[in-house]
N, C-alpha and C. Protein backbone atom coordinates (compact mmCIF):
# COMPACT_ATOMS: atom_id res chain seq x y z
N MET A 1 149.20 129.58 136.47
CA MET A 1 150.69 129.71 135.70
C MET A 1 151.27 131.04 135.63
N GLU A 2 149.95 132.24 135.00
CA GLU A 2 150.20 133.75 135.19
C GLU A 2 150.06 133.99 136.32
N ALA A 3 149.30 133.50 137.15
CA ALA A 3 149.29 133.77 138.27
C ALA A 3 149.95 133.60 139.07
N MET A 4 151.04 132.66 139.09
CA MET A 4 152.44 132.58 140.10
C MET A 4 153.46 133.56 139.29
N ILE A 5 153.34 133.86 138.00
CA ILE A 5 154.37 134.61 137.36
C ILE A 5 154.05 136.40 137.80
N GLN A 6 153.37 136.28 137.91
CA GLN A 6 152.48 137.73 138.81
C GLN A 6 152.97 138.00 140.32
N THR A 7 152.76 136.91 140.86
CA THR A 7 153.06 137.20 142.20
C THR A 7 154.36 137.10 142.61
N SER A 8 155.52 136.33 141.68
CA SER A 8 156.65 136.35 141.83
C SER A 8 157.39 137.43 141.10
N PHE A 9 156.78 138.26 140.47
CA PHE A 9 157.43 139.76 139.75
C PHE A 9 156.69 141.03 139.94
N LEU A 10 155.95 140.93 140.07
CA LEU A 10 155.35 142.54 140.04
C LEU A 10 155.32 142.88 141.64
N PRO A 11 155.51 143.99 141.96
CA PRO A 11 155.91 144.44 143.33
C PRO A 11 154.65 144.48 144.14
N GLU A 12 153.88 144.90 143.30
CA GLU A 12 152.22 145.04 144.33
C GLU A 12 151.94 143.62 144.76
N LYS A 13 151.87 142.79 144.21
CA LYS A 13 151.47 141.45 144.06
C LYS A 13 152.88 140.49 145.06
N ARG A 14 153.51 140.77 144.54
CA ARG A 14 154.37 140.22 145.80
C ARG A 14 154.44 140.64 146.88
N ARG A 15 154.05 142.00 147.36
CA ARG A 15 154.39 142.25 148.55
C ARG A 15 153.10 141.85 149.30
N LYS A 16 151.67 141.75 148.61
CA LYS A 16 150.52 141.04 149.10
C LYS A 16 151.05 139.73 149.45
N TYR A 17 151.58 138.93 148.27
CA TYR A 17 151.62 137.00 148.69
C TYR A 17 152.76 137.06 149.98
N LEU A 18 153.95 137.82 150.04
CA LEU A 18 155.26 137.87 151.31
C LEU A 18 154.24 137.95 152.27
N SER A 19 153.24 138.64 152.14
CA SER A 19 152.68 139.19 153.52
C SER A 19 151.91 138.33 154.25
N ILE A 20 151.62 137.56 153.24
CA ILE A 20 150.15 136.55 153.63
C ILE A 20 151.07 134.98 154.02
N ILE A 21 151.92 134.66 153.30
CA ILE A 21 153.15 134.08 153.73
C ILE A 21 153.37 134.48 155.27
N SER A 22 153.88 135.32 155.48
CA SER A 22 154.49 135.75 156.59
C SER A 22 153.15 135.38 157.86
N ILE A 23 152.56 135.89 157.59
CA ILE A 23 151.46 135.75 158.58
C ILE A 23 150.93 133.95 158.93
N GLU A 24 151.10 133.39 158.06
CA GLU A 24 150.97 131.82 157.75
C GLU A 24 152.07 131.16 158.67
N GLY A 25 153.17 131.37 158.13
CA GLY A 25 154.41 130.80 159.02
C GLY A 25 154.79 131.13 160.52
N GLY A 26 154.25 132.55 160.47
CA GLY A 26 153.99 132.87 161.91
C GLY A 26 153.32 132.25 163.08
N ALA A 27 152.05 131.87 162.28
CA ALA A 27 151.18 130.95 162.90
C ALA A 27 151.62 129.95 163.64
N ILE A 28 152.00 129.07 162.20
CA ILE A 28 152.69 127.91 162.20
C ILE A 28 153.46 127.80 163.65
N LEU A 29 154.29 128.57 163.32
CA LEU A 29 155.64 128.43 164.59
C LEU A 29 155.13 129.02 165.59
N LEU A 30 154.16 129.86 166.34
CA LEU A 30 153.79 130.09 167.18
C LEU A 30 153.19 128.95 167.80
N SER A 31 151.95 128.19 166.74
CA SER A 31 151.32 127.09 167.05
C SER A 31 152.24 126.03 167.96
N SER A 32 153.52 125.88 166.66
CA SER A 32 154.49 124.60 167.61
C SER A 32 154.61 125.18 168.74
N ILE A 33 154.95 126.31 168.87
CA ILE A 33 156.25 126.74 170.05
C ILE A 33 154.84 126.97 171.37
N VAL A 34 153.76 127.05 171.51
CA VAL A 34 152.42 127.25 172.29
C VAL A 34 152.84 125.27 172.73
N TRP A 35 152.49 124.47 171.59
CA TRP A 35 152.31 122.85 171.69
C TRP A 35 153.27 122.61 172.32
N GLY A 36 154.51 122.68 172.34
CA GLY A 36 155.84 122.47 172.66
C GLY A 36 155.54 123.02 174.33
N ALA A 37 155.02 123.93 174.60
CA ALA A 37 155.50 124.70 176.11
C ALA A 37 153.94 124.29 176.88
N SER A 38 152.83 123.57 176.14
CA SER A 38 152.14 122.94 176.57
C SER A 38 152.41 121.60 177.09
N GLU A 39 153.24 120.69 176.17
CA GLU A 39 153.68 119.49 176.57
C GLU A 39 154.62 119.48 177.13
N ALA A 40 155.62 120.50 177.39
CA ALA A 40 156.77 120.31 178.89
C ALA A 40 156.10 121.23 180.26
N ASP A 41 154.91 121.64 180.19
CA ASP A 41 154.16 121.98 181.14
C ASP A 41 154.59 123.23 181.68
N PHE A 42 155.17 124.37 180.52
CA PHE A 42 155.08 125.26 180.83
C PHE A 42 153.76 126.02 181.07
N LEU A 43 152.97 125.66 180.17
CA LEU A 43 151.41 126.29 180.11
C LEU A 43 150.78 125.47 180.56
N PRO A 44 149.34 125.44 181.11
CA PRO A 44 148.70 124.70 181.35
C PRO A 44 147.84 123.53 180.05
N GLN A 45 147.84 122.72 180.21
CA GLN A 45 146.87 121.66 178.85
C GLN A 45 145.91 122.33 178.39
N TRP A 46 145.00 123.04 179.05
CA TRP A 46 143.92 123.42 178.63
C TRP A 46 143.80 124.62 177.61
N ALA A 47 145.06 125.59 178.21
CA ALA A 47 145.91 126.89 177.87
C ALA A 47 146.36 126.72 176.32
N GLY A 48 147.35 125.64 176.30
CA GLY A 48 148.06 125.02 175.36
C GLY A 48 147.12 124.37 174.22
N THR A 49 146.14 124.01 174.36
CA THR A 49 144.92 123.52 173.28
C THR A 49 144.12 124.25 172.88
N ILE A 50 144.03 125.42 173.40
CA ILE A 50 143.13 126.42 172.81
C ILE A 50 143.92 127.39 171.65
N ALA A 51 145.15 127.62 172.51
CA ALA A 51 146.34 128.57 172.28
C ALA A 51 146.31 127.72 170.45
N THR A 52 147.01 126.45 170.46
CA THR A 52 147.32 126.04 169.48
C THR A 52 145.77 125.58 168.62
N GLY A 53 145.06 125.67 169.23
CA GLY A 53 143.91 125.39 167.75
C GLY A 53 143.26 126.99 167.30
N MET A 54 143.64 128.23 168.14
CA MET A 54 143.56 129.20 167.16
C MET A 54 144.47 129.47 166.54
N PHE A 55 145.78 129.40 166.64
CA PHE A 55 147.11 129.70 165.55
C PHE A 55 147.01 128.62 164.43
N LEU A 56 146.86 127.16 164.70
CA LEU A 56 146.47 126.72 163.46
C LEU A 56 144.70 127.19 162.78
N VAL A 57 143.98 127.64 163.48
CA VAL A 57 143.10 127.98 162.66
C VAL A 57 143.31 129.32 161.52
N ALA A 58 144.09 130.27 162.21
CA ALA A 58 144.80 131.62 162.02
C ALA A 58 145.56 131.17 160.49
N ALA A 59 146.39 129.91 160.49
CA ALA A 59 147.65 129.34 159.50
C ALA A 59 146.45 128.91 158.35
N THR A 60 145.14 128.49 158.85
CA THR A 60 144.08 127.63 157.94
C THR A 60 143.59 129.17 156.80
N VAL A 61 143.43 130.03 157.77
CA VAL A 61 142.60 130.95 157.18
C VAL A 61 143.87 131.71 156.15
N SER A 62 144.80 131.68 156.73
CA SER A 62 146.06 132.49 156.03
C SER A 62 146.03 131.93 154.59
N VAL A 63 145.98 130.33 154.63
CA VAL A 63 145.91 129.65 153.58
C VAL A 63 145.03 130.03 152.33
N ALA A 64 143.70 129.87 153.00
CA ALA A 64 142.48 130.94 151.80
C ALA A 64 142.74 132.02 151.37
N ALA A 65 143.24 132.95 152.15
CA ALA A 65 143.75 134.29 152.07
C ALA A 65 144.93 134.24 150.68
N LEU A 66 145.44 133.39 151.17
CA LEU A 66 146.17 133.51 149.65
C LEU A 66 146.24 132.85 148.93
N THR A 67 145.12 131.96 148.67
CA THR A 67 144.46 131.22 147.61
C THR A 67 143.58 132.37 146.56
N SER A 68 143.04 133.32 147.74
CA SER A 68 141.82 133.95 147.05
C SER A 68 142.71 135.46 146.64
N LEU A 69 143.46 135.88 148.06
CA LEU A 69 144.14 137.11 147.44
C LEU A 69 145.35 137.21 146.74
N GLY A 70 146.40 136.17 147.35
CA GLY A 70 147.57 136.38 147.04
C GLY A 70 148.08 136.02 145.42
N LEU A 71 146.78 134.99 144.98
CA LEU A 71 147.22 134.39 144.13
C LEU A 71 146.05 134.52 142.86
N ARG A 72 145.34 135.47 142.85
CA ARG A 72 144.17 135.85 142.40
C ARG A 72 144.89 136.75 140.89
N PRO A 73 144.55 135.99 139.80
CA PRO A 73 144.96 136.01 138.33
C PRO A 73 144.77 137.82 138.26
N SER A 74 145.23 138.52 137.53
CA SER A 74 144.16 139.64 136.62
C SER A 74 144.81 139.86 135.36
N ARG A 75 144.30 140.72 134.64
CA ARG A 75 145.26 140.97 133.38
C ARG A 75 146.40 141.72 133.53
N LEU A 76 147.47 141.48 132.80
CA LEU A 76 148.70 142.10 132.80
C LEU A 76 148.33 143.07 131.66
N THR A 77 148.86 144.66 132.11
CA THR A 77 148.82 145.50 131.10
C THR A 77 150.22 145.28 130.29
N ALA A 78 150.29 145.92 128.62
CA ALA A 78 151.80 145.88 128.48
C ALA A 78 152.94 146.77 129.27
N GLU A 79 152.02 147.53 130.07
CA GLU A 79 153.21 148.13 131.38
C GLU A 79 153.72 146.92 132.14
N ASP A 80 152.69 146.48 132.50
CA ASP A 80 153.29 145.44 133.31
C ASP A 80 154.29 144.18 132.83
N ARG A 81 153.67 143.70 131.28
CA ARG A 81 155.07 142.74 130.66
C ARG A 81 155.81 143.50 130.57
N ASP A 82 156.05 144.75 130.34
CA ASP A 82 157.47 145.14 130.05
C ASP A 82 158.04 145.33 131.25
N ARG A 83 157.59 145.39 132.47
CA ARG A 83 158.47 145.88 133.70
C ARG A 83 158.94 144.04 134.61
N ILE A 84 157.80 143.58 133.85
CA ILE A 84 158.20 141.89 134.39
C ILE A 84 159.46 141.59 133.50
N ARG A 85 159.69 141.79 132.30
CA ARG A 85 160.91 141.65 131.36
C ARG A 85 161.96 142.20 131.91
N ARG A 86 161.86 143.62 132.43
CA ARG A 86 162.83 144.10 133.09
C ARG A 86 163.42 143.63 133.56
N GLU A 87 162.68 143.39 134.84
CA GLU A 87 162.84 143.37 136.51
C GLU A 87 163.58 141.61 136.88
N ALA A 88 162.95 140.67 135.96
CA ALA A 88 162.67 139.17 136.48
C ALA A 88 164.06 138.81 136.61
N PRO A 89 165.10 139.29 135.17
CA PRO A 89 166.57 139.00 135.61
C PRO A 89 167.12 139.22 136.66
N GLN A 90 167.12 139.91 136.91
CA GLN A 90 167.52 140.72 138.51
C GLN A 90 166.77 140.41 139.79
N LEU A 91 165.71 139.99 139.51
CA LEU A 91 165.06 139.39 140.81
C LEU A 91 165.61 137.91 140.77
N VAL A 92 165.80 137.23 139.97
CA VAL A 92 165.92 135.68 139.81
C VAL A 92 167.58 135.65 140.61
N TYR A 93 168.35 136.52 139.78
CA TYR A 93 169.56 136.65 139.74
C TYR A 93 170.17 136.74 141.43
N SER A 94 169.52 137.81 141.92
CA SER A 94 169.20 138.00 143.24
C SER A 94 168.98 137.16 144.52
N LEU A 95 167.69 136.25 144.08
CA LEU A 95 167.80 135.43 144.90
C LEU A 95 168.43 133.91 145.03
N PHE A 96 168.68 133.53 143.64
CA PHE A 96 169.62 132.26 143.54
C PHE A 96 170.81 132.15 143.30
N ILE A 97 171.49 133.63 142.39
CA ILE A 97 172.52 133.26 141.88
C ILE A 97 173.63 134.33 142.87
N ALA A 98 173.13 135.35 143.02
CA ALA A 98 173.91 136.58 143.85
C ALA A 98 174.54 135.31 145.37
N PRO A 99 173.47 134.47 146.18
CA PRO A 99 174.08 134.16 147.46
C PRO A 99 175.31 133.26 147.16
N ILE A 100 174.78 132.07 145.92
CA ILE A 100 175.86 131.31 145.41
C ILE A 100 177.63 131.90 145.07
N SER A 101 177.27 133.01 144.44
CA SER A 101 178.34 133.92 143.69
C SER A 101 179.19 134.53 145.00
N ALA A 102 178.74 134.75 146.11
CA ALA A 102 179.26 135.36 147.13
C ALA A 102 180.48 134.53 147.96
N GLU A 103 181.25 135.30 148.13
CA GLU A 103 182.72 134.68 148.68
C GLU A 103 182.07 133.95 150.25
N PRO A 104 182.94 132.99 150.55
CA PRO A 104 182.86 133.02 151.98
C PRO A 104 183.56 133.79 153.29
N GLU A 105 182.77 133.75 154.15
CA GLU A 105 183.38 134.38 154.83
C GLU A 105 184.79 134.02 155.43
N SER A 106 185.89 134.70 155.47
CA SER A 106 186.90 133.89 155.85
C SER A 106 187.18 133.87 157.53
N SER A 107 187.41 132.45 157.99
CA SER A 107 187.75 132.06 159.34
C SER A 107 189.03 132.88 159.87
N THR A 108 189.05 133.19 160.64
CA THR A 108 190.53 133.76 160.88
C THR A 108 190.76 132.58 162.84
N SER A 109 191.80 131.96 162.27
CA SER A 109 192.27 131.00 163.28
C SER A 109 193.22 131.80 164.71
N PRO A 110 193.34 131.47 165.84
CA PRO A 110 194.20 132.12 166.58
C PRO A 110 195.89 131.68 166.53
């Protein structure tokens, strides 16, 4: 639980976590694009199989990196705890409440 809190709220942990998640998502997305292209015969079947496998291995490696690097717990200093207390409400507000409270765009009809 402490690792998730650190990952969510400490800026240096958040950057590492989001970078690894981005690599994972990109690898999964690319594997699905390559797989679809090979199934639609835009790519040769052998090339699609190799590329899809490579992207899925990259995604698996990023999951392992996320577990070992991105979610590695560390000791929180008193300064880190104070920073979390200060920044947490603003972060939660910006992620969840601000998008909901934003006014919808007005549509103009001719």
